Amino acid sequence: MKTADERDRLTAELRQQVGALEKIVRRRSDELRLIQKLACAKDRLMIGSVLDGDAMREIRLASIHEYYSMGWYSENTHFLPSSVEETLNEVWQNAPGSPVDPEEPS
């Protein structure tokens, strides 16, 4: 049979361990809330898989590869001179303030 001092010591150790575990759970919960708030669905899937230590399935890898390879976006340096004026007008319509006409004195 354990003495009262041994039981008290064991109880104190268990309380410390529980406190440490609660702190870890709170930190993890805060991190997960931040991920949920900031990351898109595909990123959350990848982040969750990595943080859980799970091996990602091939379908997840293919999805992630497709997303990050930017297969959905293509950029080139070719433009039509006729589209420049239209594009500039759209930019200035969405920008705060108004453009300064270079022919007008400031």
PDB file of N, CA and C in Angstrom:
ATOM      1  N   MET A   1       0.845  -1.179   0.000  1.00  0.00           N
ATOM      2  CA  MET A   1       0.000   0.000   0.000  1.00  0.00           C
ATOM      3  C   MET A   1       0.889   1.241   0.000  1.00  0.00           C
ATOM      4  N   LYS A   2       0.486   2.201  -0.776  1.00  0.00           N
ATOM      5  CA  LYS A   2       1.257   3.440  -0.878  1.00  0.00           C
ATOM      6  C   LYS A   2       0.927   4.372   0.275  1.00  0.00           C
ATOM      7  N   THR A   3       1.913   5.128   0.629  1.00  0.00           N
ATOM      8  CA  THR A   3       1.707   6.087   1.717  1.00  0.00           C
ATOM      9  C   THR A   3       0.999   7.324   1.176  1.00  0.00           C
ATOM     10  N   ALA A   4       0.547   8.145   2.071  1.00  0.00           N
ATOM     11  CA  ALA A   4      -0.158   9.377   1.687  1.00  0.00           C
ATOM     12  C   ALA A   4       0.766  10.304   0.901  1.00  0.00           C
ATOM     13  N   ASP A   5       2.042  10.351   1.288  1.00  0.00           N
ATOM     14  CA  ASP A   5       2.998  11.201   0.567  1.00  0.00           C
ATOM     15  C   ASP A   5       3.195  10.728  -0.870  1.00  0.00           C
ATOM     16  N   GLU A   6       3.269   9.410  -1.060  1.00  0.00           N
ATOM     17  CA  GLU A   6       3.429   8.870  -2.414  1.00  0.00           C
ATOM     18  C   GLU A   6       2.198   9.166  -3.267  1.00  0.00           C
ATOM     19  N   ARG A   7       1.020   9.034  -2.664  1.00  0.00           N
ATOM     20  CA  ARG A   7      -0.224   9.334  -3.401  1.00  0.00           C
ATOM     21  C   ARG A   7      -0.285  10.812  -3.770  1.00  0.00           C
ATOM     22  N   ASP A   8       0.102  11.671  -2.846  1.00  0.00           N
ATOM     23  CA  ASP A   8       0.098  13.117  -3.128  1.00  0.00           C
ATOM     24  C   ASP A   8       1.081  13.467  -4.246  1.00  0.00           C
ATOM     25  N   ARG A   9       2.274  12.847  -4.212  1.00  0.00           N
ATOM     26  CA  ARG A   9       3.275  13.085  -5.238  1.00  0.00           C
ATOM     27  C   ARG A   9       2.772  12.617  -6.602  1.00  0.00           C
ATOM     28  N   LEU A  10       2.182  11.420  -6.628  1.00  0.00           N
ATOM     29  CA  LEU A  10       1.639  10.872  -7.870  1.00  0.00           C
ATOM     30  C   LEU A  10       0.505  11.743  -8.409  1.00  0.00           C
ATOM     31  N   THR A  11      -0.359  12.211  -7.519  1.00  0.00           N
ATOM     32  CA  THR A  11      -1.457  13.096  -7.918  1.00  0.00           C
ATOM     33  C   THR A  11      -0.920  14.400  -8.507  1.00  0.00           C
ATOM     34  N   ALA A  12       0.102  14.963  -7.889  1.00  0.00           N
ATOM     35  CA  ALA A  12       0.701  16.205  -8.385  1.00  0.00           C
ATOM     36  C   ALA A  12       1.317  15.989  -9.767  1.00  0.00           C
ATOM     37  N   GLU A  13       2.006  14.850  -9.963  1.00  0.00           N
ATOM     38  CA  GLU A  13       2.605  14.550 -11.269  1.00  0.00           C
ATOM     39  C   GLU A  13       1.526  14.403 -12.349  1.00  0.00           C
ATOM     40  N   LEU A  14       0.454  13.705 -12.002  1.00  0.00           N
ATOM     41  CA  LEU A  14      -0.636  13.514 -12.961  1.00  0.00           C
ATOM     42  C   LEU A  14      -1.298  14.842 -13.315  1.00  0.00           C
ATOM     43  N   ARG A  15      -1.455  15.711 -12.341  1.00  0.00           N
ATOM     44  CA  ARG A  15      -2.038  17.031 -12.616  1.00  0.00           C
ATOM     45  C   ARG A  15      -1.136  17.843 -13.536  1.00  0.00           C
ATOM     46  N   GLN A  16       0.175  17.756 -13.342  1.00  0.00           N
ATOM     47  CA  GLN A  16       1.106  18.456 -14.233  1.00  0.00           C
ATOM     48  C   GLN A  16       1.008  17.911 -15.655  1.00  0.00           C
ATOM     49  N   GLN A  17       0.931  16.604 -15.770  1.00  0.00           N
ATOM     50  CA  GLN A  17       0.834  15.992 -17.092  1.00  0.00           C
ATOM     51  C   GLN A  17      -0.465  16.399 -17.792  1.00  0.00           C
ATOM     52  N   VAL A  18      -1.559  16.388 -17.054  1.00  0.00           N
ATOM     53  CA  VAL A  18      -2.847  16.794 -17.622  1.00  0.00           C
ATOM     54  C   VAL A  18      -2.799  18.261 -18.041  1.00  0.00           C
ATOM     55  N   GLY A  19      -2.203  19.106 -17.207  1.00  0.00           N
ATOM     56  CA  GLY A  19      -2.069  20.526 -17.556  1.00  0.00           C
ATOM     57  C   GLY A  19      -1.259  20.722 -18.824  1.00  0.00           C
ATOM     58  N   ALA A  20      -0.166  19.976 -18.957  1.00  0.00           N
ATOM     59  CA  ALA A  20       0.668  20.072 -20.162  1.00  0.00           C
ATOM     60  C   ALA A  20      -0.103  19.606 -21.394  1.00  0.00           C
ATOM     61  N   LEU A  21      -0.849  18.523 -21.252  1.00  0.00           N
ATOM     62  CA  LEU A  21      -1.654  18.030 -22.379  1.00  0.00           C
ATOM     63  C   LEU A  21      -2.745  19.021 -22.768  1.00  0.00           C
ATOM     64  N   GLU A  22      -3.388  19.640 -21.792  1.00  0.00           N
ATOM     65  CA  GLU A  22      -4.410  20.647 -22.091  1.00  0.00           C
ATOM     66  C   GLU A  22      -3.808  21.830 -22.849  1.00  0.00           C
ATOM     67  N   LYS A  23      -2.609  22.235 -22.465  1.00  0.00           N
ATOM     68  CA  LYS A  23      -1.926  23.336 -23.147  1.00  0.00           C
ATOM     69  C   LYS A  23      -1.635  22.976 -24.602  1.00  0.00           C
ATOM     70  N   ILE A  24      -1.176  21.752 -24.830  1.00  0.00           N
ATOM     71  CA  ILE A  24      -0.901  21.291 -26.195  1.00  0.00           C
ATOM     72  C   ILE A  24      -2.183  21.264 -27.022  1.00  0.00           C
ATOM     73  N   VAL A  25      -3.262  20.776 -26.441  1.00  0.00           N
ATOM     74  CA  VAL A  25      -4.544  20.702 -27.159  1.00  0.00           C
ATOM     75  C   VAL A  25      -5.056  22.106 -27.500  1.00  0.00           C
ATOM     76  N   ARG A  26      -4.922  23.048 -26.566  1.00  0.00           N
ATOM     77  CA  ARG A  26      -5.361  24.423 -26.847  1.00  0.00           C
ATOM     78  C   ARG A  26      -4.549  25.041 -27.984  1.00  0.00           C
ATOM     79  N   ARG A  27      -3.214  24.842 -27.959  1.00  0.00           N
ATOM     80  CA  ARG A  27      -2.363  25.379 -29.019  1.00  0.00           C
ATOM     81  C   ARG A  27      -2.724  24.760 -30.369  1.00  0.00           C
ATOM     82  N   ARG A  28      -2.904  23.454 -30.388  1.00  0.00           N
ATOM     83  CA  ARG A  28      -3.272  22.752 -31.632  1.00  0.00           C
ATOM     84  C   ARG A  28      -4.629  23.245 -32.138  1.00  0.00           C
ATOM     85  N   SER A  29      -5.556  23.452 -31.249  1.00  0.00           N
ATOM     86  CA  SER A  29      -6.876  23.942 -31.624  1.00  0.00           C
ATOM     87  C   SER A  29      -6.781  25.341 -32.242  1.00  0.00           C
ATOM     88  N   ASP A  30      -5.982  26.206 -31.650  1.00  0.00           N
ATOM     89  CA  ASP A  30      -5.782  27.553 -32.206  1.00  0.00           C
ATOM     90  C   ASP A  30      -5.144  27.483 -33.593  1.00  0.00           C
ATOM     91  N   GLU A  31      -4.156  26.599 -33.747  1.00  0.00           N
ATOM     92  CA  GLU A  31      -3.503  26.450 -35.049  1.00  0.00           C
ATOM     93  C   GLU A  31      -4.504  25.967 -36.100  1.00  0.00           C
ATOM     94  N   LEU A  32      -5.334  25.006 -35.734  1.00  0.00           N
ATOM     95  CA  LEU A  32      -6.317  24.470 -36.681  1.00  0.00           C
ATOM     96  C   LEU A  32      -7.371  25.516 -37.054  1.00  0.00           C
ATOM     97  N   ARG A  33      -7.767  26.335 -36.096  1.00  0.00           N
ATOM     98  CA  ARG A  33      -8.713  27.412 -36.410  1.00  0.00           C
ATOM     99  C   ARG A  33      -8.115  28.402 -37.396  1.00  0.00           C
ATOM    100  N   LEU A  34      -6.840  28.716 -37.226  1.00  0.00           N
ATOM    101  CA  LEU A  34      -6.158  29.629 -38.134  1.00  0.00           C
ATOM    102  C   LEU A  34      -6.047  29.026 -39.532  1.00  0.00           C
ATOM    103  N   ILE A  35      -5.699  27.750 -39.604  1.00  0.00           N
ATOM    104  CA  ILE A  35      -5.639  27.072 -40.903  1.00  0.00           C
ATOM    105  C   ILE A  35      -7.011  27.097 -41.563  1.00  0.00           C
ATOM    106  N   GLN A  36      -8.033  26.793 -40.809  1.00  0.00           N
ATOM    107  CA  GLN A  36      -9.410  26.780 -41.337  1.00  0.00           C
ATOM    108  C   GLN A  36      -9.792  28.151 -41.876  1.00  0.00           C
ATOM    109  N   LYS A  37      -9.351  29.191 -41.198  1.00  0.00           N
ATOM    110  CA  LYS A  37      -9.708  30.558 -41.589  1.00  0.00           C
ATOM    111  C   LYS A  37      -8.958  31.007 -42.847  1.00  0.00           C
ATOM    112  N   LEU A  38      -7.681  30.650 -42.960  1.00  0.00           N
ATOM    113  CA  LEU A  38      -6.840  31.220 -44.007  1.00  0.00           C
ATOM    114  C   LEU A  38      -6.650  30.352 -45.246  1.00  0.00           C
ATOM    115  N   ALA A  39      -6.735  29.054 -45.110  1.00  0.00           N
ATOM    116  CA  ALA A  39      -6.387  28.169 -46.224  1.00  0.00           C
ATOM    117  C   ALA A  39      -7.616  27.777 -47.040  1.00  0.00           C
ATOM    118  N   CYS A  40      -7.387  27.573 -48.339  1.00  0.00           N
ATOM    119  CA  CYS A  40      -8.467  27.090 -49.203  1.00  0.00           C
ATOM    120  C   CYS A  40      -8.675  25.596 -48.940  1.00  0.00           C
ATOM    121  N   ALA A  41      -9.737  25.047 -49.515  1.00  0.00           N
ATOM    122  CA  ALA A  41     -10.103  23.654 -49.239  1.00  0.00           C
ATOM    123  C   ALA A  41      -8.991  22.674 -49.601  1.00  0.00           C
ATOM    124  N   LYS A  42      -8.364  22.849 -50.757  1.00  0.00           N
ATOM    125  CA  LYS A  42      -7.299  21.923 -51.166  1.00  0.00           C
ATOM    126  C   LYS A  42      -6.093  22.034 -50.247  1.00  0.00           C
ATOM    127  N   ASP A  43      -5.756  23.257 -49.843  1.00  0.00           N
ATOM    128  CA  ASP A  43      -4.637  23.436 -48.921  1.00  0.00           C
ATOM    129  C   ASP A  43      -4.954  22.814 -47.569  1.00  0.00           C
ATOM    130  N   ARG A  44      -6.190  22.966 -47.090  1.00  0.00           N
ATOM    131  CA  ARG A  44      -6.572  22.362 -45.812  1.00  0.00           C
ATOM    132  C   ARG A  44      -6.439  20.846 -45.868  1.00  0.00           C
ATOM    133  N   LEU A  45      -6.816  20.265 -46.985  1.00  0.00           N
ATOM    134  CA  LEU A  45      -6.701  18.822 -47.163  1.00  0.00           C
ATOM    135  C   LEU A  45      -5.241  18.393 -47.053  1.00  0.00           C
ATOM    136  N   MET A  46      -4.358  19.102 -47.749  1.00  0.00           N
ATOM    137  CA  MET A  46      -2.942  18.765 -47.730  1.00  0.00           C
ATOM    138  C   MET A  46      -2.344  19.008 -46.338  1.00  0.00           C
ATOM    139  N   ILE A  47      -2.632  20.157 -45.749  1.00  0.00           N
ATOM    140  CA  ILE A  47      -2.083  20.498 -44.439  1.00  0.00           C
ATOM    141  C   ILE A  47      -2.547  19.489 -43.393  1.00  0.00           C
ATOM    142  N   GLY A  48      -3.820  19.162 -43.421  1.00  0.00           N
ATOM    143  CA  GLY A  48      -4.354  18.194 -42.463  1.00  0.00           C
ATOM    144  C   GLY A  48      -3.688  16.843 -42.600  1.00  0.00           C
ATOM    145  N   SER A  49      -3.465  16.419 -43.828  1.00  0.00           N
ATOM    146  CA  SER A  49      -2.827  15.140 -44.081  1.00  0.00           C
ATOM    147  C   SER A  49      -1.391  15.130 -43.559  1.00  0.00           C
ATOM    148  N   VAL A  50      -0.687  16.221 -43.812  1.00  0.00           N
ATOM    149  CA  VAL A  50       0.707  16.321 -43.359  1.00  0.00           C
ATOM    150  C   VAL A  50       0.771  16.370 -41.829  1.00  0.00           C
ATOM    151  N   LEU A  51      -0.066  17.200 -41.209  1.00  0.00           N
ATOM    152  CA  LEU A  51      -0.036  17.342 -39.759  1.00  0.00           C
ATOM    153  C   LEU A  51      -0.463  16.070 -39.036  1.00  0.00           C
ATOM    154  N   ASP A  52      -1.366  15.319 -39.645  1.00  0.00           N
ATOM    155  CA  ASP A  52      -1.807  14.071 -39.026  1.00  0.00           C
ATOM    156  C   ASP A  52      -0.772  12.966 -39.176  1.00  0.00           C
ATOM    157  N   GLY A  53       0.217  13.178 -40.051  1.00  0.00           N
ATOM    158  CA  GLY A  53       1.232  12.161 -40.270  1.00  0.00           C
ATOM    159  C   GLY A  53       0.766  11.048 -41.184  1.00  0.00           C
ATOM    160  N   ASP A  54      -0.401  11.201 -41.778  1.00  0.00           N
ATOM    161  CA  ASP A  54      -0.907  10.174 -42.692  1.00  0.00           C
ATOM    162  C   ASP A  54      -0.140  10.210 -44.003  1.00  0.00           C
ATOM    163  N   ALA A  55      -0.030   9.062 -44.615  1.00  0.00           N
ATOM    164  CA  ALA A  55       0.530   9.015 -45.962  1.00  0.00           C
ATOM    165  C   ALA A  55      -0.561   9.514 -46.900  1.00  0.00           C
ATOM    166  N   MET A  56      -0.198  10.455 -47.757  1.00  0.00           N
ATOM    167  CA  MET A  56      -1.193  10.989 -48.682  1.00  0.00           C
ATOM    168  C   MET A  56      -1.510   9.951 -49.749  1.00  0.00           C
ATOM    169  N   ARG A  57      -2.757   9.863 -50.075  1.00  0.00           N
ATOM    170  CA  ARG A  57      -3.173   8.933 -51.115  1.00  0.00           C
ATOM    171  C   ARG A  57      -2.839   9.515 -52.475  1.00  0.00           C
ATOM    172  N   GLU A  58      -2.742   8.622 -53.464  1.00  0.00           N
ATOM    173  CA  GLU A  58      -2.373   9.046 -54.820  1.00  0.00           C
ATOM    174  C   GLU A  58      -3.351  10.086 -55.373  1.00  0.00           C
ATOM    175  N   ILE A  59      -4.616   9.929 -55.078  1.00  0.00           N
ATOM    176  CA  ILE A  59      -5.591  10.884 -55.607  1.00  0.00           C
ATOM    177  C   ILE A  59      -5.375  12.269 -55.008  1.00  0.00           C
ATOM    178  N   ARG A  60      -4.999  12.322 -53.751  1.00  0.00           N
ATOM    179  CA  ARG A  60      -4.697  13.610 -53.121  1.00  0.00           C
ATOM    180  C   ARG A  60      -3.452  14.214 -53.747  1.00  0.00           C
ATOM    181  N   LEU A  61      -2.433  13.394 -53.951  1.00  0.00           N
ATOM    182  CA  LEU A  61      -1.212  13.890 -54.561  1.00  0.00           C
ATOM    183  C   LEU A  61      -1.484  14.424 -55.966  1.00  0.00           C
ATOM    184  N   ALA A  62      -2.289  13.701 -56.736  1.00  0.00           N
ATOM    185  CA  ALA A  62      -2.612  14.154 -58.092  1.00  0.00           C
ATOM    186  C   ALA A  62      -3.357  15.475 -58.035  1.00  0.00           C
ATOM    187  N   SER A  63      -4.280  15.611 -57.106  1.00  0.00           N
ATOM    188  CA  SER A  63      -5.044  16.836 -56.968  1.00  0.00           C
ATOM    189  C   SER A  63      -4.138  17.999 -56.579  1.00  0.00           C
ATOM    190  N   ILE A  64      -3.258  17.759 -55.641  1.00  0.00           N
ATOM    191  CA  ILE A  64      -2.338  18.802 -55.194  1.00  0.00           C
ATOM    192  C   ILE A  64      -1.378  19.180 -56.316  1.00  0.00           C
ATOM    193  N   HIS A  65      -0.866  18.174 -57.021  1.00  0.00           N
ATOM    194  CA  HIS A  65       0.049  18.452 -58.135  1.00  0.00           C
ATOM    195  C   HIS A  65      -0.647  19.292 -59.201  1.00  0.00           C
ATOM    196  N   GLU A  66      -1.882  18.938 -59.529  1.00  0.00           N
ATOM    197  CA  GLU A  66      -2.641  19.693 -60.535  1.00  0.00           C
ATOM    198  C   GLU A  66      -2.830  21.146 -60.095  1.00  0.00           C
ATOM    199  N   TYR A  67      -3.147  21.338 -58.835  1.00  0.00           N
ATOM    200  CA  TYR A  67      -3.389  22.680 -58.318  1.00  0.00           C
ATOM    201  C   TYR A  67      -2.120  23.519 -58.350  1.00  0.00           C
ATOM    202  N   TYR A  68      -1.026  22.977 -57.838  1.00  0.00           N
ATOM    203  CA  TYR A  68       0.195  23.768 -57.722  1.00  0.00           C
ATOM    204  C   TYR A  68       1.008  23.841 -59.008  1.00  0.00           C
ATOM    205  N   SER A  69       0.727  22.971 -59.961  1.00  0.00           N
ATOM    206  CA  SER A  69       1.449  23.060 -61.228  1.00  0.00           C
ATOM    207  C   SER A  69       0.883  24.178 -62.096  1.00  0.00           C
ATOM    208  N   MET A  70      -0.191  24.791 -61.620  1.00  0.00           N
ATOM    209  CA  MET A  70      -0.842  25.908 -62.316  1.00  0.00           C
ATOM    210  C   MET A  70      -1.287  25.518 -63.719  1.00  0.00           C
ATOM    211  N   GLY A  71      -1.728  24.279 -63.871  1.00  0.00           N
ATOM    212  CA  GLY A  71      -2.241  23.826 -65.156  1.00  0.00           C
ATOM    213  C   GLY A  71      -3.464  24.612 -65.597  1.00  0.00           C
ATOM    214  N   TRP A  72      -4.110  25.268 -64.671  1.00  0.00           N
ATOM    215  CA  TRP A  72      -5.312  26.038 -64.966  1.00  0.00           C
ATOM    216  C   TRP A  72      -4.987  27.452 -65.412  1.00  0.00           C
ATOM    217  N   TYR A  73      -3.697  27.828 -65.422  1.00  0.00           N
ATOM    218  CA  TYR A  73      -3.327  29.194 -65.766  1.00  0.00           C
ATOM    219  C   TYR A  73      -2.193  29.177 -66.782  1.00  0.00           C
ATOM    220  N   SER A  74      -2.322  30.008 -67.771  1.00  0.00           N
ATOM    221  CA  SER A  74      -1.287  30.089 -68.795  1.00  0.00           C
ATOM    222  C   SER A  74      -0.988  31.556 -69.064  1.00  0.00           C
ATOM    223  N   GLU A  75       0.274  31.904 -69.086  1.00  0.00           N
ATOM    224  CA  GLU A  75       0.671  33.292 -69.292  1.00  0.00           C
ATOM    225  C   GLU A  75       1.606  33.359 -70.487  1.00  0.00           C
ATOM    226  N   ASN A  76       1.457  34.432 -71.260  1.00  0.00           N
ATOM    227  CA  ASN A  76       2.400  34.654 -72.353  1.00  0.00           C
ATOM    228  C   ASN A  76       2.678  36.142 -72.458  1.00  0.00           C
ATOM    229  N   THR A  77       3.642  36.491 -73.273  1.00  0.00           N
ATOM    230  CA  THR A  77       4.037  37.895 -73.404  1.00  0.00           C
ATOM    231  C   THR A  77       3.454  38.542 -74.649  1.00  0.00           C
ATOM    232  N   HIS A  78       2.601  37.831 -75.348  1.00  0.00           N
ATOM    233  CA  HIS A  78       2.002  38.373 -76.570  1.00  0.00           C
ATOM    234  C   HIS A  78       0.737  39.160 -76.232  1.00  0.00           C
ATOM    235  N   PHE A  79       0.590  40.313 -76.836  1.00  0.00           N
ATOM    236  CA  PHE A  79      -0.626  41.081 -76.627  1.00  0.00           C
ATOM    237  C   PHE A  79      -0.992  41.787 -77.928  1.00  0.00           C
ATOM    238  N   LEU A  80      -2.234  42.146 -78.009  1.00  0.00           N
ATOM    239  CA  LEU A  80      -2.713  42.890 -79.158  1.00  0.00           C
ATOM    240  C   LEU A  80      -2.722  44.364 -78.802  1.00  0.00           C
ATOM    241  N   PRO A  81      -2.120  45.203 -79.636  1.00  0.00           N
ATOM    242  CA  PRO A  81      -2.121  46.640 -79.330  1.00  0.00           C
ATOM    243  C   PRO A  81      -3.529  47.184 -79.093  1.00  0.00           C
ATOM    244  N   SER A  82      -4.519  46.601 -79.742  1.00  0.00           N
ATOM    245  CA  SER A  82      -5.888  47.089 -79.572  1.00  0.00           C
ATOM    246  C   SER A  82      -6.420  46.826 -78.162  1.00  0.00           C
ATOM    247  N   SER A  83      -5.852  45.879 -77.450  1.00  0.00           N
ATOM    248  CA  SER A  83      -6.360  45.561 -76.111  1.00  0.00           C
ATOM    249  C   SER A  83      -5.694  46.396 -75.017  1.00  0.00           C
ATOM    250  N   VAL A  84      -4.635  47.126 -75.337  1.00  0.00           N
ATOM    251  CA  VAL A  84      -3.910  47.891 -74.324  1.00  0.00           C
ATOM    252  C   VAL A  84      -4.782  48.997 -73.743  1.00  0.00           C
ATOM    253  N   GLU A  85      -5.405  49.777 -74.588  1.00  0.00           N
ATOM    254  CA  GLU A  85      -6.242  50.886 -74.108  1.00  0.00           C
ATOM    255  C   GLU A  85      -7.390  50.372 -73.242  1.00  0.00           C
ATOM    256  N   GLU A  86      -8.028  49.312 -73.680  1.00  0.00           N
ATOM    257  CA  GLU A  86      -9.140  48.731 -72.927  1.00  0.00           C
ATOM    258  C   GLU A  86      -8.664  48.229 -71.552  1.00  0.00           C
ATOM    259  N   THR A  87      -7.527  47.587 -71.523  1.00  0.00           N
ATOM    260  CA  THR A  87      -6.982  47.070 -70.268  1.00  0.00           C
ATOM    261  C   THR A  87      -6.613  48.201 -69.323  1.00  0.00           C
ATOM    262  N   LEU A  88      -5.979  49.240 -69.846  1.00  0.00           N
ATOM    263  CA  LEU A  88      -5.626  50.385 -69.003  1.00  0.00           C
ATOM    264  C   LEU A  88      -6.874  51.043 -68.414  1.00  0.00           C
ATOM    265  N   ASN A  89      -7.912  51.171 -69.215  1.00  0.00           N
ATOM    266  CA  ASN A  89      -9.163  51.743 -68.702  1.00  0.00           C
ATOM    267  C   ASN A  89      -9.732  50.896 -67.567  1.00  0.00           C
ATOM    268  N   GLU A  90      -9.689  49.573 -67.718  1.00  0.00           N
ATOM    269  CA  GLU A  90     -10.191  48.689 -66.664  1.00  0.00           C
ATOM    270  C   GLU A  90      -9.360  48.821 -65.392  1.00  0.00           C
ATOM    271  N   VAL A  91      -8.043  48.930 -65.556  1.00  0.00           N
ATOM    272  CA  VAL A  91      -7.167  49.076 -64.387  1.00  0.00           C
ATOM    273  C   VAL A  91      -7.491  50.360 -63.648  1.00  0.00           C
ATOM    274  N   TRP A  92      -7.620  51.456 -64.385  1.00  0.00           N
ATOM    275  CA  TRP A  92      -7.871  52.743 -63.732  1.00  0.00           C
ATOM    276  C   TRP A  92      -9.267  52.816 -63.129  1.00  0.00           C
ATOM    277  N   GLN A  93     -10.217  52.090 -63.692  1.00  0.00           N
ATOM    278  CA  GLN A  93     -11.564  52.076 -63.117  1.00  0.00           C
ATOM    279  C   GLN A  93     -11.563  51.385 -61.754  1.00  0.00           C
ATOM    280  N   ASN A  94     -10.692  50.389 -61.582  1.00  0.00           N
ATOM    281  CA  ASN A  94     -10.657  49.616 -60.335  1.00  0.00           C
ATOM    282  C   ASN A  94      -9.662  50.158 -59.326  1.00  0.00           C
ATOM    283  N   ALA A  95      -8.793  51.067 -59.750  1.00  0.00           N
ATOM    284  CA  ALA A  95      -7.773  51.608 -58.841  1.00  0.00           C
ATOM    285  C   ALA A  95      -8.338  52.790 -58.055  1.00  0.00           C
ATOM    286  N   PRO A  96      -7.885  52.963 -56.809  1.00  0.00           N
ATOM    287  CA  PRO A  96      -8.328  54.133 -56.052  1.00  0.00           C
ATOM    288  C   PRO A  96      -7.718  55.398 -56.644  1.00  0.00           C
ATOM    289  N   GLY A  97      -8.425  56.504 -56.582  1.00  0.00           N
ATOM    290  CA  GLY A  97      -7.940  57.757 -57.163  1.00  0.00           C
ATOM    291  C   GLY A  97      -8.211  57.774 -58.653  1.00  0.00           C
ATOM    292  N   SER A  98      -7.632  58.731 -59.328  1.00  0.00           N
ATOM    293  CA  SER A  98      -7.812  58.796 -60.781  1.00  0.00           C
ATOM    294  C   SER A  98      -6.457  58.966 -61.443  1.00  0.00           C
ATOM    295  N   PRO A  99      -6.334  58.521 -62.690  1.00  0.00           N
ATOM    296  CA  PRO A  99      -5.041  58.637 -63.369  1.00  0.00           C
ATOM    297  C   PRO A  99      -4.735  60.095 -63.694  1.00  0.00           C
ATOM    298  N   VAL A 100      -3.461  60.391 -63.702  1.00  0.00           N
ATOM    299  CA  VAL A 100      -3.023  61.736 -64.062  1.00  0.00           C
ATOM    300  C   VAL A 100      -2.700  61.725 -65.551  1.00  0.00           C
ATOM    301  N   ASP A 101      -3.307  62.643 -66.285  1.00  0.00           N
ATOM    302  CA  ASP A 101      -3.041  62.747 -67.714  1.00  0.00           C
ATOM    303  C   ASP A 101      -1.681  63.380 -67.895  1.00  0.00           C
ATOM    304  N   PRO A 102      -0.753  62.726 -68.601  1.00  0.00           N
ATOM    305  CA  PRO A 102       0.592  63.284 -68.728  1.00  0.00           C
ATOM    306  C   PRO A 102       0.620  64.624 -69.445  1.00  0.00           C
ATOM    307  N   GLU A 103      -0.428  64.947 -70.214  1.00  0.00           N
ATOM    308  CA  GLU A 103      -0.455  66.220 -70.926  1.00  0.00           C
ATOM    309  C   GLU A 103      -0.924  67.361 -70.036  1.00  0.00           C
ATOM    310  N   GLU A 104      -1.576  67.041 -68.919  1.00  0.00           N
ATOM    311  CA  GLU A 104      -2.047  68.073 -68.005  1.00  0.00           C
ATOM    312  C   GLU A 104      -0.967  68.369 -66.969  1.00  0.00           C
ATOM    313  N   PRO A 105      -0.747  69.652 -66.640  1.00  0.00           N
ATOM    314  CA  PRO A 105       0.228  69.961 -65.591  1.00  0.00           C
ATOM    315  C   PRO A 105      -0.301  69.486 -64.226  1.00  0.00           C
ATOM    316  N   SER A 106       0.596  69.049 -63.360  1.00  0.00           N
ATOM    317  CA  SER A 106       0.182  68.542 -62.038  1.00  0.00           C
ATOM    318  C   SER A 106      -0.039  69.679 -61.077  1.00  0.00           C
TER     319      SER A 106
END
